[in-house]
Amino acid sequence: MKIHNFKELQVWQKAMDLAVFTYQLTGYFPKEEKYGLISQIQRCAV
């Protein structure tokens, strides 16, 4: 099997799923955490 595009890699696809899920989840956090906990969690996921 030859990979021509990194987007075909399962590890990349799962990492993208995790990042999207993290952003969706942090959308439910209180707005006062926007520049604290939310920012740290989102940066970690990326």
C-alpha atoms as a PDB file:
ATOM      1  CA  MET A   1       0.000   0.000   0.000  1.00  0.00           C
ATOM      2  CA  LYS A   2       1.375   3.349  -1.011  1.00  0.00           C
ATOM      3  CA  ILE A   3       0.258   6.547   0.710  1.00  0.00           C
ATOM      4  CA  HIS A   4       0.117   9.571  -1.593  1.00  0.00           C
ATOM      5  CA  ASN A   5      -1.496  11.944   0.856  1.00  0.00           C
ATOM      6  CA  PHE A   6      -1.076  12.299   4.622  1.00  0.00           C
ATOM      7  CA  LYS A   7      -4.860  12.682   4.911  1.00  0.00           C
ATOM      8  CA  GLU A   8      -5.153   9.004   3.995  1.00  0.00           C
ATOM      9  CA  LEU A   9      -3.349   8.008   7.205  1.00  0.00           C
ATOM     10  CA  GLN A  10      -5.617   6.669   9.941  1.00  0.00           C
ATOM     11  CA  VAL A  11      -3.587   8.395  12.640  1.00  0.00           C
ATOM     12  CA  TRP A  12      -4.155  11.770  10.958  1.00  0.00           C
ATOM     13  CA  GLN A  13      -7.899  11.099  10.584  1.00  0.00           C
ATOM     14  CA  LYS A  14      -8.239  10.103  14.246  1.00  0.00           C
ATOM     15  CA  ALA A  15      -6.269  13.167  15.363  1.00  0.00           C
ATOM     16  CA  MET A  16      -8.610  15.401  13.357  1.00  0.00           C
ATOM     17  CA  ASP A  17     -11.634  13.672  14.922  1.00  0.00           C
ATOM     18  CA  LEU A  18     -10.172  14.321  18.377  1.00  0.00           C
ATOM     19  CA  ALA A  19      -9.547  17.992  17.624  1.00  0.00           C
ATOM     20  CA  VAL A  20     -13.081  18.491  16.264  1.00  0.00           C
ATOM     21  CA  PHE A  21     -14.594  16.684  19.262  1.00  0.00           C
ATOM     22  CA  THR A  22     -12.532  18.826  21.645  1.00  0.00           C
ATOM     23  CA  TYR A  23     -13.738  22.062  20.054  1.00  0.00           C
ATOM     24  CA  GLN A  24     -17.347  20.829  20.184  1.00  0.00           C
ATOM     25  CA  LEU A  25     -16.995  19.814  23.828  1.00  0.00           C
ATOM     26  CA  THR A  26     -15.381  23.071  24.940  1.00  0.00           C
ATOM     27  CA  GLY A  27     -18.291  24.921  23.312  1.00  0.00           C
ATOM     28  CA  TYR A  28     -20.347  23.886  26.353  1.00  0.00           C
ATOM     29  CA  PHE A  29     -17.903  25.349  28.868  1.00  0.00           C
ATOM     30  CA  PRO A  30     -18.754  28.640  30.615  1.00  0.00           C
ATOM     31  CA  LYS A  31     -17.770  31.690  28.568  1.00  0.00           C
ATOM     32  CA  GLU A  32     -15.619  33.068  31.393  1.00  0.00           C
ATOM     33  CA  GLU A  33     -13.243  30.173  30.771  1.00  0.00           C
ATOM     34  CA  LYS A  34     -12.657  31.204  27.150  1.00  0.00           C
ATOM     35  CA  TYR A  35      -9.135  32.510  27.727  1.00  0.00           C
ATOM     36  CA  GLY A  36      -8.234  30.049  30.482  1.00  0.00           C
ATOM     37  CA  LEU A  37      -9.160  26.398  30.506  1.00  0.00           C
ATOM     38  CA  ILE A  38     -10.821  26.326  27.073  1.00  0.00           C
ATOM     39  CA  SER A  39      -7.787  27.818  25.382  1.00  0.00           C
ATOM     40  CA  GLN A  40      -5.429  25.354  27.055  1.00  0.00           C
ATOM     41  CA  ILE A  41      -7.555  22.318  26.163  1.00  0.00           C
ATOM     42  CA  GLN A  42      -7.955  23.410  22.533  1.00  0.00           C
ATOM     43  CA  ARG A  43      -4.234  24.105  22.107  1.00  0.00           C
ATOM     44  CA  CYS A  44      -3.435  20.717  23.594  1.00  0.00           C
ATOM     45  CA  ALA A  45      -5.779  18.933  21.174  1.00  0.00           C
ATOM     46  CA  VAL A  46      -4.276  20.698  18.179  1.00  0.00           C
END
